[in-house]
Amino acid sequence: QVQLVESGGGLVQAGGSLRLSCAASGSIFSSDIIGWYRQAPGKQRELVAVITSGGSRNYADFVKGRFTISRDNAKNTVFLQMNSLKPEDTAGYYCNLKRGWSSSWGQGTQVTVSS
């Protein structure tokens, strides 16, 4: 199973930017579905952005126009560029990779946005 390690979280003021990275222990295939999720305290985990096996990118309405998901296959890494951050974006952010019937999660990285 692929191991995923997220990084890039931190504390930022509202309106600022962060770039999250998700590094895979092995190769990322074009057929993999890779997504970023987030979970705030007391809330359910929710999808933020995903790259489908066809290469298209889908975003949750609450991040459209602010966040961008991308992948670097040569580095086996997926990124989440987050701009115009809001306090309500504060959450743990998790990377997920789906390959066939398997699903792998990283340990998460905390993003805190101050007002």
Protein backbone atom coordinates (compact mmCIF):
# COMPACT_ATOMS: atom_id res chain seq x y z
CA GLN A 1 0.00 0.00 0.00
CA VAL A 2 1.23 3.48 -0.82
CA GLN A 3 2.39 5.58 2.13
CA LEU A 4 1.50 9.27 2.02
CA VAL A 5 3.15 12.10 3.94
CA GLU A 6 1.66 15.57 4.02
CA SER A 7 3.58 18.74 4.79
CA GLY A 8 3.30 22.48 4.41
CA GLY A 9 0.67 23.30 6.99
CA GLY A 10 1.05 26.09 9.50
CA LEU A 11 -0.35 29.29 10.91
CA VAL A 12 -1.26 32.04 8.48
CA GLN A 13 -3.28 35.24 8.61
CA ALA A 14 -6.53 35.56 6.73
CA GLY A 15 -5.88 36.40 3.10
CA GLY A 16 -2.57 34.58 3.11
CA SER A 17 -1.41 31.51 1.22
CA LEU A 18 -0.02 28.07 1.93
CA ARG A 19 1.13 25.24 -0.30
CA LEU A 20 0.53 21.74 0.95
CA SER A 21 2.47 18.76 -0.36
CA CYS A 22 1.60 15.09 -0.33
CA ALA A 23 4.56 12.83 -1.04
CA ALA A 24 3.94 9.20 -1.97
CA SER A 25 6.32 6.40 -1.04
CA GLY A 26 6.05 4.92 -4.50
CA SER A 27 5.02 5.87 -7.99
CA ILE A 28 1.78 7.74 -8.59
CA PHE A 29 -0.03 6.37 -11.60
CA SER A 30 -2.20 8.39 -13.95
CA SER A 31 -5.06 6.03 -13.10
CA ASP A 32 -4.87 6.95 -9.39
CA ILE A 33 -7.52 9.22 -7.95
CA ILE A 34 -5.86 11.66 -5.59
CA GLY A 35 -7.67 14.04 -3.34
CA TRP A 36 -7.25 16.48 -0.49
CA TYR A 37 -9.72 16.36 2.38
CA ARG A 38 -10.04 18.41 5.52
CA GLN A 39 -11.51 17.92 8.95
CA ALA A 40 -12.20 20.60 11.49
CA PRO A 41 -12.77 19.79 15.18
CA GLY A 42 -16.24 18.39 15.73
CA LYS A 43 -16.94 18.16 12.03
CA GLN A 44 -16.89 15.39 9.46
CA ARG A 45 -14.06 15.00 7.01
CA GLU A 46 -14.93 16.69 3.72
CA LEU A 47 -13.53 16.66 0.22
CA VAL A 48 -11.61 19.77 -0.79
CA ALA A 49 -10.20 18.92 -4.20
CA VAL A 50 -9.51 15.85 -6.32
CA ILE A 51 -7.64 14.87 -9.47
CA THR A 52 -9.50 12.09 -11.20
CA SER A 53 -8.01 9.22 -13.16
CA GLY A 54 -8.85 11.15 -16.33
CA GLY A 55 -6.81 14.12 -15.17
CA SER A 56 -9.69 16.47 -14.49
CA ARG A 57 -9.77 18.53 -11.35
CA ASN A 58 -12.81 18.98 -9.16
CA TYR A 59 -13.20 21.35 -6.25
CA ALA A 60 -15.61 21.85 -3.41
CA ASP A 61 -17.66 24.99 -3.88
CA PHE A 62 -16.16 26.57 -0.78
CA VAL A 63 -12.64 26.58 -2.30
CA LYS A 64 -13.33 27.22 -5.98
CA GLY A 65 -11.22 30.05 -7.28
CA ARG A 66 -8.95 29.96 -4.22
CA PHE A 67 -7.36 26.50 -4.12
CA THR A 68 -5.56 24.60 -6.88
CA ILE A 69 -4.68 20.91 -6.87
CA SER A 70 -1.80 19.70 -9.00
CA ARG A 71 0.49 16.71 -9.31
CA ASP A 72 4.12 16.15 -10.20
CA ASN A 73 4.37 12.54 -11.33
CA ALA A 74 8.14 12.69 -11.59
CA LYS A 75 8.34 13.55 -7.88
CA ASN A 76 5.38 11.36 -6.85
CA THR A 77 3.92 14.39 -5.16
CA VAL A 78 0.54 16.10 -5.15
CA PHE A 79 0.15 19.73 -4.15
CA LEU A 80 -2.63 21.93 -2.87
CA GLN A 81 -2.04 25.63 -3.40
CA MET A 82 -4.29 27.57 -1.07
CA ASN A 83 -4.77 31.29 -1.62
CA SER A 84 -7.04 33.87 -0.01
CA LEU A 85 -7.29 31.73 3.09
CA LYS A 86 -10.16 32.31 5.51
CA PRO A 87 -10.50 31.44 9.21
CA GLU A 88 -13.09 28.83 8.24
CA ASP A 89 -10.37 27.00 6.28
CA THR A 90 -8.79 26.06 9.60
CA ALA A 91 -8.63 22.26 9.75
CA GLY A 92 -6.44 19.23 9.46
CA TYR A 93 -5.76 18.54 5.79
CA TYR A 94 -5.36 14.97 4.59
CA CYS A 95 -4.21 13.45 1.33
CA ASN A 96 -5.95 10.38 -0.06
CA LEU A 97 -4.98 8.08 -2.90
CA LYS A 98 -7.38 5.57 -4.40
CA ARG A 99 -5.98 2.79 -6.55
CA GLY A 100 -8.36 0.06 -7.58
CA TRP A 101 -10.01 -1.15 -4.39
CA SER A 102 -7.38 0.30 -2.07
CA SER A 103 -7.43 3.66 -0.33
CA SER A 104 -4.47 5.25 1.44
CA TRP A 105 -4.44 8.21 3.83
CA GLY A 106 -1.67 10.38 5.11
CA GLN A 107 -1.34 11.50 8.72
CA GLY A 108 -2.49 15.01 7.92
CA THR A 109 -1.10 18.50 8.28
CA GLN A 110 -2.69 21.27 10.34
CA VAL A 111 -3.71 24.56 8.76
CA THR A 112 -4.70 27.40 11.06
CA VAL A 113 -5.93 30.70 9.67
CA SER A 114 -6.14 33.63 12.06
CA SER A 115 -8.54 36.51 11.58
